[in-house]
Amino acid sequence: MATTTRYTFEAFQKLQDAAADNIRYELDEGDLIVTPSPTPRHNLVYLKLLRQLAAFVEQHRLGVVITEVDFRLSKNVVRKPDLGFIAKDHMKGFHLDRTPVEGAPSLAVEVISPSNLAQDTLKKIRQYLAAGSHAVWTVYPALRLVEIHDASGTRIVSESEPISESQLFGGHTFSLSLSALFDVEPER
């Protein structure tokens, strides 16, 4: 019979401090999760979205977009979204030199790889929303769609339509073509 080691937040922090730079951990209600390295497609989609979202947020002075940062969502839950947007009005107590960030990002973005399990992704979404995220975007490069999860439910944006969001961004509309986002194949 397999045994599971439960981690407290303090034990998780010590492990993070001692970890090699290329090892990514998350803490899921006391369970230690080691996340695999992302695929090249994942990274290409992630980088396109990062550039677009960060430029939009900076242009309108809406807050910050950060990557690969730990967010402590509850006592024994620490998640590391691919992208996190922290709205300016939620930056009280935000320390640039301290991790994890206490609380949830206004928007958490997860780019889904083929190795991600549906139940794990759904659990993360619920954890972000329960901790105070206004929305969670799950980006599916293989399916060429984005799911937007918020208090009103889930909506699916397919490749034929753009992501168009203003509620999160103080009335400024962020719009992005999914075709442009997902077209990452290098020319041969």
N, C-alpha and C. Protein backbone atom coordinates (compact mmCIF):
# COMPACT_ATOMS: atom_id res chain seq x y z
N MET A 1 0.84 -1.17 0.00
CA MET A 1 0.00 0.00 0.00
C MET A 1 0.89 1.24 0.00
N ALA A 2 0.57 2.18 -0.87
CA ALA A 2 1.35 3.41 -0.97
C ALA A 2 0.99 4.35 0.17
N THR A 3 1.97 5.12 0.61
CA THR A 3 1.71 6.12 1.64
C THR A 3 1.90 7.50 1.04
N THR A 4 1.17 8.43 1.54
CA THR A 4 1.26 9.81 1.07
C THR A 4 1.80 10.67 2.19
N THR A 5 2.79 11.47 1.87
CA THR A 5 3.34 12.41 2.84
C THR A 5 2.57 13.72 2.72
N ARG A 6 2.03 14.18 3.83
CA ARG A 6 1.31 15.45 3.85
C ARG A 6 2.31 16.56 4.21
N TYR A 7 2.17 17.68 3.55
CA TYR A 7 3.06 18.81 3.79
C TYR A 7 2.29 19.97 4.40
N THR A 8 2.88 20.58 5.39
CA THR A 8 2.35 21.83 5.90
C THR A 8 2.88 22.94 5.00
N PHE A 9 2.33 24.11 5.15
CA PHE A 9 2.83 25.24 4.38
C PHE A 9 4.29 25.51 4.72
N GLU A 10 4.65 25.41 5.99
CA GLU A 10 6.02 25.67 6.42
C GLU A 10 7.00 24.67 5.81
N ALA A 11 6.63 23.38 5.76
CA ALA A 11 7.48 22.36 5.14
C ALA A 11 7.60 22.61 3.64
N PHE A 12 6.51 23.01 3.03
CA PHE A 12 6.51 23.35 1.60
C PHE A 12 7.48 24.50 1.33
N GLN A 13 7.46 25.54 2.17
CA GLN A 13 8.36 26.68 2.00
C GLN A 13 9.82 26.25 2.09
N LYS A 14 10.14 25.39 3.04
CA LYS A 14 11.52 24.91 3.17
C LYS A 14 11.94 24.14 1.94
N LEU A 15 11.05 23.32 1.41
CA LEU A 15 11.33 22.54 0.21
C LEU A 15 11.55 23.48 -0.98
N GLN A 16 10.71 24.49 -1.11
CA GLN A 16 10.84 25.46 -2.20
C GLN A 16 12.19 26.18 -2.12
N ASP A 17 12.57 26.58 -0.92
CA ASP A 17 13.83 27.29 -0.73
C ASP A 17 15.03 26.43 -1.12
N ALA A 18 14.93 25.12 -0.92
CA ALA A 18 16.04 24.21 -1.19
C ALA A 18 16.01 23.64 -2.61
N ALA A 19 14.92 23.84 -3.32
CA ALA A 19 14.74 23.21 -4.64
C ALA A 19 15.64 23.83 -5.69
N ALA A 20 15.99 23.01 -6.67
CA ALA A 20 16.72 23.51 -7.83
C ALA A 20 15.80 24.43 -8.62
N ASP A 21 16.38 25.34 -9.35
CA ASP A 21 15.59 26.34 -10.08
C ASP A 21 14.59 25.76 -11.07
N ASN A 22 14.88 24.59 -11.61
CA ASN A 22 14.01 24.06 -12.65
C ASN A 22 12.91 23.12 -12.13
N ILE A 23 12.80 22.97 -10.83
CA ILE A 23 11.75 22.14 -10.26
C ILE A 23 10.61 23.03 -9.80
N ARG A 24 9.40 22.71 -10.25
CA ARG A 24 8.22 23.50 -9.89
C ARG A 24 7.33 22.67 -8.98
N TYR A 25 6.97 23.24 -7.86
CA TYR A 25 6.07 22.58 -6.92
C TYR A 25 4.82 23.42 -6.71
N GLU A 26 3.73 22.74 -6.38
CA GLU A 26 2.53 23.37 -5.88
C GLU A 26 2.10 22.57 -4.66
N LEU A 27 1.33 23.19 -3.80
CA LEU A 27 0.80 22.52 -2.62
C LEU A 27 -0.71 22.48 -2.75
N ASP A 28 -1.25 21.27 -2.77
CA ASP A 28 -2.68 21.06 -2.99
C ASP A 28 -3.31 20.44 -1.76
N GLU A 29 -3.80 21.29 -0.87
CA GLU A 29 -4.43 20.83 0.36
C GLU A 29 -3.54 19.84 1.12
N GLY A 30 -2.26 20.18 1.17
CA GLY A 30 -1.29 19.36 1.91
C GLY A 30 -0.54 18.36 1.05
N ASP A 31 -1.01 18.12 -0.17
CA ASP A 31 -0.31 17.21 -1.08
C ASP A 31 0.69 17.99 -1.92
N LEU A 32 1.92 17.49 -2.02
CA LEU A 32 2.95 18.12 -2.82
C LEU A 32 2.77 17.69 -4.27
N ILE A 33 2.69 18.66 -5.16
CA ILE A 33 2.55 18.39 -6.59
C ILE A 33 3.82 18.86 -7.28
N VAL A 34 4.46 17.96 -8.01
CA VAL A 34 5.61 18.32 -8.84
C VAL A 34 5.07 18.47 -10.25
N THR A 35 5.24 19.65 -10.83
CA THR A 35 4.69 19.88 -12.16
C THR A 35 5.78 19.67 -13.20
N PRO A 36 5.45 18.96 -14.28
CA PRO A 36 6.45 18.68 -15.31
C PRO A 36 6.80 19.93 -16.11
N SER A 37 7.90 19.86 -16.80
CA SER A 37 8.28 20.96 -17.69
C SER A 37 7.24 21.09 -18.79
N PRO A 38 6.91 22.32 -19.16
CA PRO A 38 5.91 22.51 -20.21
C PRO A 38 6.47 22.15 -21.59
N THR A 39 5.56 21.85 -22.51
CA THR A 39 5.93 21.54 -23.90
C THR A 39 6.27 22.83 -24.64
N PRO A 40 6.97 22.72 -25.75
CA PRO A 40 7.23 23.93 -26.55
C PRO A 40 5.94 24.64 -26.97
N ARG A 41 4.90 23.90 -27.39
CA ARG A 41 3.63 24.53 -27.78
C ARG A 41 3.05 25.32 -26.61
N HIS A 42 3.06 24.72 -25.44
CA HIS A 42 2.57 25.40 -24.23
C HIS A 42 3.29 26.73 -24.06
N ASN A 43 4.61 26.70 -24.15
CA ASN A 43 5.41 27.92 -23.95
C ASN A 43 5.15 28.97 -25.02
N LEU A 44 5.00 28.56 -26.26
CA LEU A 44 4.76 29.52 -27.34
C LEU A 44 3.42 30.22 -27.16
N VAL A 45 2.37 29.45 -26.81
CA VAL A 45 1.06 30.04 -26.57
C VAL A 45 1.11 30.95 -25.35
N TYR A 46 1.73 30.46 -24.30
CA TYR A 46 1.88 31.22 -23.05
C TYR A 46 2.59 32.55 -23.31
N LEU A 47 3.68 32.54 -24.07
CA LEU A 47 4.44 33.76 -24.34
C LEU A 47 3.64 34.77 -25.16
N LYS A 48 2.87 34.28 -26.14
CA LYS A 48 2.02 35.18 -26.93
C LYS A 48 0.98 35.85 -26.03
N LEU A 49 0.34 35.06 -25.20
CA LEU A 49 -0.68 35.60 -24.31
C LEU A 49 -0.05 36.57 -23.31
N LEU A 50 1.10 36.22 -22.77
CA LEU A 50 1.80 37.10 -21.83
C LEU A 50 2.09 38.46 -22.47
N ARG A 51 2.65 38.46 -23.67
CA ARG A 51 2.98 39.73 -24.33
C ARG A 51 1.74 40.60 -24.53
N GLN A 52 0.67 39.99 -25.01
CA GLN A 52 -0.56 40.75 -25.29
C GLN A 52 -1.19 41.29 -24.01
N LEU A 53 -1.34 40.43 -23.02
CA LEU A 53 -1.99 40.82 -21.77
C LEU A 53 -1.16 41.85 -21.00
N ALA A 54 0.14 41.62 -20.92
CA ALA A 54 1.01 42.55 -20.19
C ALA A 54 1.02 43.92 -20.85
N ALA A 55 1.07 43.97 -22.17
CA ALA A 55 1.07 45.26 -22.88
C ALA A 55 -0.25 46.00 -22.63
N PHE A 56 -1.36 45.28 -22.66
CA PHE A 56 -2.68 45.88 -22.41
C PHE A 56 -2.77 46.43 -20.99
N VAL A 57 -2.37 45.64 -20.01
CA VAL A 57 -2.43 46.05 -18.61
C VAL A 57 -1.52 47.25 -18.36
N GLU A 58 -0.34 47.23 -18.94
CA GLU A 58 0.59 48.36 -18.77
C GLU A 58 0.06 49.62 -19.45
N GLN A 59 -0.46 49.48 -20.66
CA GLN A 59 -0.97 50.63 -21.40
C GLN A 59 -2.07 51.36 -20.62
N HIS A 60 -2.93 50.60 -19.95
CA HIS A 60 -4.05 51.20 -19.23
C HIS A 60 -3.80 51.36 -17.73
N ARG A 61 -2.58 51.01 -17.30
CA ARG A 61 -2.18 51.14 -15.89
C ARG A 61 -3.19 50.47 -14.95
N LEU A 62 -3.43 49.19 -15.25
CA LEU A 62 -4.46 48.44 -14.53
C LEU A 62 -3.93 47.61 -13.37
N GLY A 63 -2.64 47.43 -13.28
CA GLY A 63 -2.04 46.59 -12.26
C GLY A 63 -0.79 45.95 -12.81
N VAL A 64 -0.60 44.66 -12.51
CA VAL A 64 0.58 43.94 -13.01
C VAL A 64 0.19 42.55 -13.51
N VAL A 65 0.96 42.08 -14.47
CA VAL A 65 0.85 40.69 -14.95
C VAL A 65 2.15 40.02 -14.57
N ILE A 66 2.05 38.92 -13.84
CA ILE A 66 3.25 38.22 -13.41
C ILE A 66 3.16 36.76 -13.82
N THR A 67 4.31 36.12 -13.86
CA THR A 67 4.38 34.73 -14.29
C THR A 67 5.11 33.89 -13.25
N GLU A 68 4.71 32.63 -13.20
CA GLU A 68 5.43 31.65 -12.38
C GLU A 68 5.66 32.10 -10.94
N VAL A 69 4.66 32.71 -10.34
CA VAL A 69 4.75 33.18 -8.96
C VAL A 69 3.77 32.38 -8.11
N ASP A 70 4.21 31.98 -6.93
CA ASP A 70 3.35 31.24 -6.01
C ASP A 70 2.31 32.17 -5.38
N PHE A 71 1.07 31.69 -5.32
CA PHE A 71 -0.01 32.37 -4.62
C PHE A 71 -0.52 31.43 -3.54
N ARG A 72 -0.53 31.91 -2.31
CA ARG A 72 -1.07 31.11 -1.21
C ARG A 72 -2.57 31.36 -1.16
N LEU A 73 -3.33 30.37 -1.59
CA LEU A 73 -4.77 30.52 -1.72
C LEU A 73 -5.51 30.20 -0.43
N SER A 74 -4.93 29.35 0.39
CA SER A 74 -5.49 29.03 1.70
C SER A 74 -4.39 28.41 2.54
N LYS A 75 -4.74 27.92 3.70
CA LYS A 75 -3.73 27.44 4.66
C LYS A 75 -2.71 26.50 4.03
N ASN A 76 -3.16 25.48 3.33
CA ASN A 76 -2.25 24.50 2.73
C ASN A 76 -2.46 24.35 1.23
N VAL A 77 -2.75 25.48 0.56
CA VAL A 77 -2.87 25.48 -0.90
C VAL A 77 -2.02 26.61 -1.45
N VAL A 78 -1.03 26.23 -2.26
CA VAL A 78 -0.18 27.18 -2.96
C VAL A 78 -0.19 26.79 -4.43
N ARG A 79 -0.64 27.72 -5.26
CA ARG A 79 -0.71 27.46 -6.69
C ARG A 79 0.17 28.45 -7.44
N LYS A 80 0.62 28.02 -8.61
CA LYS A 80 1.51 28.82 -9.44
C LYS A 80 0.90 28.89 -10.84
N PRO A 81 0.02 29.87 -11.09
CA PRO A 81 -0.59 29.96 -12.42
C PRO A 81 0.47 30.32 -13.47
N ASP A 82 0.19 29.95 -14.71
CA ASP A 82 1.10 30.34 -15.78
C ASP A 82 1.19 31.86 -15.86
N LEU A 83 0.03 32.53 -15.75
CA LEU A 83 -0.02 33.98 -15.72
C LEU A 83 -0.96 34.41 -14.61
N GLY A 84 -0.62 35.50 -13.95
CA GLY A 84 -1.51 36.06 -12.96
C GLY A 84 -1.61 37.56 -13.17
N PHE A 85 -2.83 38.07 -13.20
CA PHE A 85 -3.06 39.51 -13.27
C PHE A 85 -3.53 39.95 -11.89
N ILE A 86 -2.85 40.95 -11.34
CA ILE A 86 -3.25 41.53 -10.07
C ILE A 86 -3.69 42.96 -10.36
N ALA A 87 -4.98 43.20 -10.17
CA ALA A 87 -5.53 44.54 -10.41
C ALA A 87 -4.95 45.54 -9.43
N LYS A 88 -4.82 46.77 -9.89
CA LYS A 88 -4.21 47.83 -9.08
C LYS A 88 -4.88 47.94 -7.71
N ASP A 89 -6.20 47.83 -7.66
CA ASP A 89 -6.90 47.97 -6.38
C ASP A 89 -6.73 46.75 -5.47
N HIS A 90 -6.13 45.68 -5.98
CA HIS A 90 -5.85 44.50 -5.15
C HIS A 90 -4.38 44.39 -4.79
N MET A 91 -3.62 45.42 -5.07
CA MET A 91 -2.18 45.35 -4.82
C MET A 91 -1.78 45.80 -3.42
N LYS A 92 -2.75 46.15 -2.59
CA LYS A 92 -2.42 46.50 -1.20
C LYS A 92 -1.77 45.29 -0.54
N GLY A 93 -0.67 45.49 0.08
CA GLY A 93 0.01 44.38 0.74
C GLY A 93 0.82 43.50 -0.20
N PHE A 94 0.85 43.84 -1.48
CA PHE A 94 1.63 43.07 -2.45
C PHE A 94 3.09 43.46 -2.33
N HIS A 95 3.95 42.48 -2.07
CA HIS A 95 5.38 42.74 -1.91
C HIS A 95 6.14 42.13 -3.08
N LEU A 96 6.90 42.95 -3.77
CA LEU A 96 7.64 42.47 -4.93
C LEU A 96 8.74 41.48 -4.58
N ASP A 97 9.21 41.50 -3.35
CA ASP A 97 10.33 40.66 -2.98
C ASP A 97 9.94 39.50 -2.07
N ARG A 98 8.66 39.19 -1.99
CA ARG A 98 8.22 38.11 -1.11
C ARG A 98 7.33 37.12 -1.87
N THR A 99 7.56 35.87 -1.61
CA THR A 99 6.72 34.83 -2.18
C THR A 99 6.42 33.81 -1.08
N PRO A 100 5.28 33.24 -1.05
CA PRO A 100 4.19 33.38 -2.00
C PRO A 100 3.41 34.67 -1.75
N VAL A 101 2.68 35.09 -2.78
CA VAL A 101 1.75 36.20 -2.64
C VAL A 101 0.58 35.67 -1.81
N GLU A 102 0.20 36.40 -0.79
CA GLU A 102 -0.93 35.98 0.04
C GLU A 102 -2.23 36.32 -0.68
N GLY A 103 -3.03 35.32 -0.97
CA GLY A 103 -4.29 35.52 -1.67
C GLY A 103 -4.18 35.16 -3.14
N ALA A 104 -5.29 35.38 -3.82
CA ALA A 104 -5.40 34.96 -5.22
C ALA A 104 -5.19 36.13 -6.17
N PRO A 105 -4.73 35.84 -7.39
CA PRO A 105 -4.67 36.90 -8.40
C PRO A 105 -6.09 37.26 -8.84
N SER A 106 -6.27 38.46 -9.36
CA SER A 106 -7.58 38.85 -9.90
C SER A 106 -7.96 37.91 -11.05
N LEU A 107 -6.98 37.57 -11.87
CA LEU A 107 -7.14 36.63 -12.98
C LEU A 107 -6.01 35.62 -12.93
N ALA A 108 -6.35 34.34 -12.94
CA ALA A 108 -5.35 33.28 -13.07
C ALA A 108 -5.52 32.65 -14.45
N VAL A 109 -4.42 32.44 -15.14
CA VAL A 109 -4.45 31.82 -16.46
C VAL A 109 -3.63 30.55 -16.40
N GLU A 110 -4.24 29.46 -16.83
CA GLU A 110 -3.56 28.17 -16.91
C GLU A 110 -3.59 27.70 -18.36
N VAL A 111 -2.41 27.48 -18.95
CA VAL A 111 -2.33 26.90 -20.29
C VAL A 111 -2.28 25.39 -20.08
N ILE A 112 -3.23 24.69 -20.67
CA ILE A 112 -3.40 23.27 -20.41
C ILE A 112 -2.58 22.44 -21.40
N SER A 113 -1.77 21.55 -20.84
CA SER A 113 -0.95 20.64 -21.63
C SER A 113 -1.63 19.27 -21.70
N PRO A 114 -1.24 18.43 -22.65
CA PRO A 114 -1.86 17.10 -22.75
C PRO A 114 -1.74 16.27 -21.47
N SER A 115 -0.73 16.53 -20.65
CA SER A 115 -0.55 15.73 -19.43
C SER A 115 -1.45 16.19 -18.28
N ASN A 116 -2.11 17.35 -18.40
CA ASN A 116 -2.99 17.83 -17.34
C ASN A 116 -4.27 17.00 -17.27
N LEU A 117 -4.63 16.58 -16.07
CA LEU A 117 -5.86 15.83 -15.87
C LEU A 117 -7.03 16.79 -15.63
N ALA A 118 -8.19 16.44 -16.17
CA ALA A 118 -9.37 17.29 -16.03
C ALA A 118 -9.71 17.55 -14.57
N GLN A 119 -9.67 16.51 -13.73
CA GLN A 119 -10.05 16.69 -12.32
C GLN A 119 -9.08 17.61 -11.59
N ASP A 120 -7.80 17.55 -11.94
CA ASP A 120 -6.82 18.44 -11.31
C ASP A 120 -7.04 19.89 -11.75
N THR A 121 -7.33 20.07 -13.02
CA THR A 121 -7.59 21.42 -13.54
C THR A 121 -8.83 22.01 -12.90
N LEU A 122 -9.90 21.23 -12.80
CA LEU A 122 -11.14 21.72 -12.19
C LEU A 122 -10.92 22.07 -10.71
N LYS A 123 -10.13 21.27 -10.02
CA LYS A 123 -9.84 21.56 -8.62
C LYS A 123 -9.10 22.89 -8.48
N LYS A 124 -8.11 23.12 -9.35
CA LYS A 124 -7.37 24.39 -9.33
C LYS A 124 -8.32 25.57 -9.56
N ILE A 125 -9.19 25.44 -10.55
CA ILE A 125 -10.14 26.51 -10.87
C ILE A 125 -10.97 26.84 -9.63
N ARG A 126 -11.49 25.82 -8.99
CA ARG A 126 -12.31 26.02 -7.79
C ARG A 126 -11.50 26.68 -6.67
N GLN A 127 -10.24 26.28 -6.52
CA GLN A 127 -9.40 26.86 -5.48
C GLN A 127 -9.14 28.35 -5.75
N TYR A 128 -8.83 28.70 -7.00
CA TYR A 128 -8.61 30.11 -7.34
C TYR A 128 -9.86 30.94 -7.05
N LEU A 129 -11.02 30.48 -7.51
CA LEU A 129 -12.25 31.24 -7.34
C LEU A 129 -12.64 31.34 -5.86
N ALA A 130 -12.47 30.25 -5.10
CA ALA A 130 -12.80 30.28 -3.67
C ALA A 130 -11.89 31.24 -2.91
N ALA A 131 -10.66 31.42 -3.39
CA ALA A 131 -9.69 32.30 -2.73
C ALA A 131 -9.85 33.76 -3.14
N GLY A 132 -10.71 34.04 -4.12
CA GLY A 132 -10.97 35.43 -4.47
C GLY A 132 -10.62 35.85 -5.88
N SER A 133 -10.15 34.93 -6.73
CA SER A 133 -9.92 35.32 -8.13
C SER A 133 -11.26 35.68 -8.75
N HIS A 134 -11.27 36.73 -9.56
CA HIS A 134 -12.49 37.13 -10.26
C HIS A 134 -12.75 36.22 -11.45
N ALA A 135 -11.67 35.69 -12.03
CA ALA A 135 -11.82 34.80 -13.19
C ALA A 135 -10.60 33.90 -13.30
N VAL A 136 -10.82 32.76 -13.95
CA VAL A 136 -9.75 31.83 -14.30
C VAL A 136 -9.94 31.50 -15.78
N TRP A 137 -8.89 31.69 -16.55
CA TRP A 137 -8.92 31.30 -17.96
C TRP A 137 -8.12 30.02 -18.10
N THR A 138 -8.74 29.00 -18.66
CA THR A 138 -8.02 27.77 -19.01
C THR A 138 -7.89 27.77 -20.53
N VAL A 139 -6.66 27.73 -20.98
CA VAL A 139 -6.33 27.85 -22.40
C VAL A 139 -5.94 26.47 -22.90
N TYR A 140 -6.65 25.99 -23.90
CA TYR A 140 -6.44 24.64 -24.45
C TYR A 140 -5.87 24.74 -25.86
N PRO A 141 -4.54 24.77 -26.02
CA PRO A 141 -3.95 24.86 -27.35
C PRO A 141 -4.35 23.70 -28.27
N ALA A 142 -4.41 22.49 -27.75
CA ALA A 142 -4.75 21.34 -28.60
C ALA A 142 -6.19 21.41 -29.11
N LEU A 143 -7.09 21.99 -28.32
CA LEU A 143 -8.49 22.11 -28.71
C LEU A 143 -8.79 23.46 -29.36
N ARG A 144 -7.82 24.38 -29.26
CA ARG A 144 -7.94 25.72 -29.82
C ARG A 144 -9.17 26.45 -29.27
N LEU A 145 -9.26 26.42 -27.93
CA LEU A 145 -10.34 27.13 -27.25
C LEU A 145 -9.88 27.57 -25.87
N VAL A 146 -10.67 28.50 -25.30
CA VAL A 146 -10.41 29.01 -23.96
C VAL A 146 -11.70 28.90 -23.17
N GLU A 147 -11.59 28.41 -21.94
CA GLU A 147 -12.72 28.42 -21.02
C GLU A 147 -12.51 29.58 -20.06
N ILE A 148 -13.57 30.36 -19.86
CA ILE A 148 -13.52 31.48 -18.92
C ILE A 148 -14.44 31.12 -17.76
N HIS A 149 -13.85 30.99 -16.58
CA HIS A 149 -14.58 30.62 -15.37
C HIS A 149 -14.67 31.84 -14.48
N ASP A 150 -15.88 32.17 -14.04
CA ASP A 150 -16.06 33.27 -13.10
C ASP A 150 -17.32 33.01 -12.27
N ALA A 151 -17.74 33.99 -11.50
CA ALA A 151 -18.89 33.81 -10.60
C ALA A 151 -20.17 33.48 -11.35
N SER A 152 -20.27 33.88 -12.62
CA SER A 152 -21.49 33.61 -13.38
C SER A 152 -21.48 32.23 -14.04
N GLY A 153 -20.37 31.51 -13.96
CA GLY A 153 -20.30 30.18 -14.55
C GLY A 153 -19.10 30.03 -15.46
N THR A 154 -19.27 29.22 -16.48
CA THR A 154 -18.20 28.94 -17.44
C THR A 154 -18.69 29.26 -18.84
N ARG A 155 -17.85 29.96 -19.57
CA ARG A 155 -18.17 30.17 -20.97
C ARG A 155 -16.99 29.71 -21.81
N ILE A 156 -17.31 29.16 -22.94
CA ILE A 156 -16.28 28.64 -23.84
C ILE A 156 -16.14 29.59 -25.02
N VAL A 157 -14.91 29.98 -25.28
CA VAL A 157 -14.61 30.83 -26.43
C VAL A 157 -13.86 29.95 -27.42
N SER A 158 -14.45 29.76 -28.58
CA SER A 158 -13.81 28.91 -29.59
C SER A 158 -12.97 29.75 -30.52
N GLU A 159 -12.22 29.07 -31.36
CA GLU A 159 -11.25 29.75 -32.22
C GLU A 159 -11.90 30.76 -33.16
N SER A 160 -13.14 30.57 -33.50
CA SER A 160 -13.79 31.46 -34.45
C SER A 160 -14.13 32.83 -33.86
N GLU A 161 -14.00 32.98 -32.55
CA GLU A 161 -14.29 34.26 -31.91
C GLU A 161 -13.11 34.67 -31.03
N PRO A 162 -12.97 35.97 -30.76
CA PRO A 162 -11.86 36.40 -29.91
C PRO A 162 -12.23 36.33 -28.43
N ILE A 163 -11.21 36.29 -27.58
CA ILE A 163 -11.45 36.57 -26.17
C ILE A 163 -11.73 38.06 -26.12
N SER A 164 -12.80 38.44 -25.47
CA SER A 164 -13.13 39.85 -25.31
C SER A 164 -13.61 40.03 -23.89
N GLU A 165 -12.83 40.77 -23.10
CA GLU A 165 -13.11 40.90 -21.66
C GLU A 165 -12.92 42.34 -21.22
N SER A 166 -13.93 42.90 -20.57
CA SER A 166 -13.79 44.26 -20.04
C SER A 166 -14.08 44.32 -18.55
N GLN A 167 -14.90 43.42 -18.04
CA GLN A 167 -15.28 43.47 -16.63
C GLN A 167 -14.07 43.39 -15.70
N LEU A 168 -13.12 42.54 -16.03
CA LEU A 168 -11.91 42.38 -15.21
C LEU A 168 -11.00 43.60 -15.25
N PHE A 169 -11.14 44.39 -16.30
CA PHE A 169 -10.16 45.43 -16.57
C PHE A 169 -10.76 46.83 -16.48
N GLY A 170 -11.66 47.03 -15.53
CA GLY A 170 -12.19 48.35 -15.25
C GLY A 170 -12.84 49.05 -16.43
N GLY A 171 -13.49 48.29 -17.29
CA GLY A 171 -14.17 48.86 -18.45
C GLY A 171 -13.33 48.92 -19.71
N HIS A 172 -12.03 48.73 -19.61
CA HIS A 172 -11.17 48.65 -20.79
C HIS A 172 -11.33 47.25 -21.38
N THR A 173 -11.48 47.16 -22.69
CA THR A 173 -11.72 45.86 -23.32
C THR A 173 -10.43 45.25 -23.84
N PHE A 174 -10.10 44.09 -23.28
CA PHE A 174 -8.99 43.28 -23.78
C PHE A 174 -9.59 42.34 -24.82
N SER A 175 -9.02 42.32 -26.00
CA SER A 175 -9.51 41.45 -27.06
C SER A 175 -8.32 40.77 -27.72
N LEU A 176 -8.46 39.49 -27.98
CA LEU A 176 -7.37 38.71 -28.57
C LEU A 176 -7.94 37.63 -29.47
N SER A 177 -7.45 37.58 -30.69
CA SER A 177 -7.85 36.54 -31.64
C SER A 177 -7.25 35.20 -31.21
N LEU A 178 -8.12 34.21 -31.08
CA LEU A 178 -7.61 32.89 -30.71
C LEU A 178 -6.82 32.25 -31.84
N SER A 179 -7.20 32.54 -33.09
CA SER A 179 -6.41 32.00 -34.21
C SER A 179 -4.98 32.49 -34.12
N ALA A 180 -4.79 33.78 -33.84
CA ALA A 180 -3.45 34.33 -33.71
C ALA A 180 -2.72 33.72 -32.51
N LEU A 181 -3.46 33.50 -31.43
CA LEU A 181 -2.85 32.93 -30.24
C LEU A 181 -2.37 31.51 -30.48
N PHE A 182 -3.17 30.72 -31.15
CA PHE A 182 -2.84 29.30 -31.31
C PHE A 182 -1.97 28.97 -32.52
N ASP A 183 -1.80 29.90 -33.45
CA ASP A 183 -0.96 29.64 -34.60
C ASP A 183 0.50 29.82 -34.20
N VAL A 184 1.12 28.73 -33.79
CA VAL A 184 2.50 28.78 -33.33
C VAL A 184 3.43 27.84 -34.10
N GLU A 185 2.91 27.18 -35.11
CA GLU A 185 3.74 26.25 -35.88
C GLU A 185 4.83 27.01 -36.63
N PRO A 186 6.08 26.61 -36.46
CA PRO A 186 7.16 27.27 -37.21
C PRO A 186 7.08 26.89 -38.68
N GLU A 187 7.50 27.81 -39.52
CA GLU A 187 7.52 27.50 -40.96
C GLU A 187 8.69 26.58 -41.23
N ARG A 188 8.46 25.63 -42.09
CA ARG A 188 9.50 24.62 -42.40
C ARG A 188 9.95 24.73 -43.82
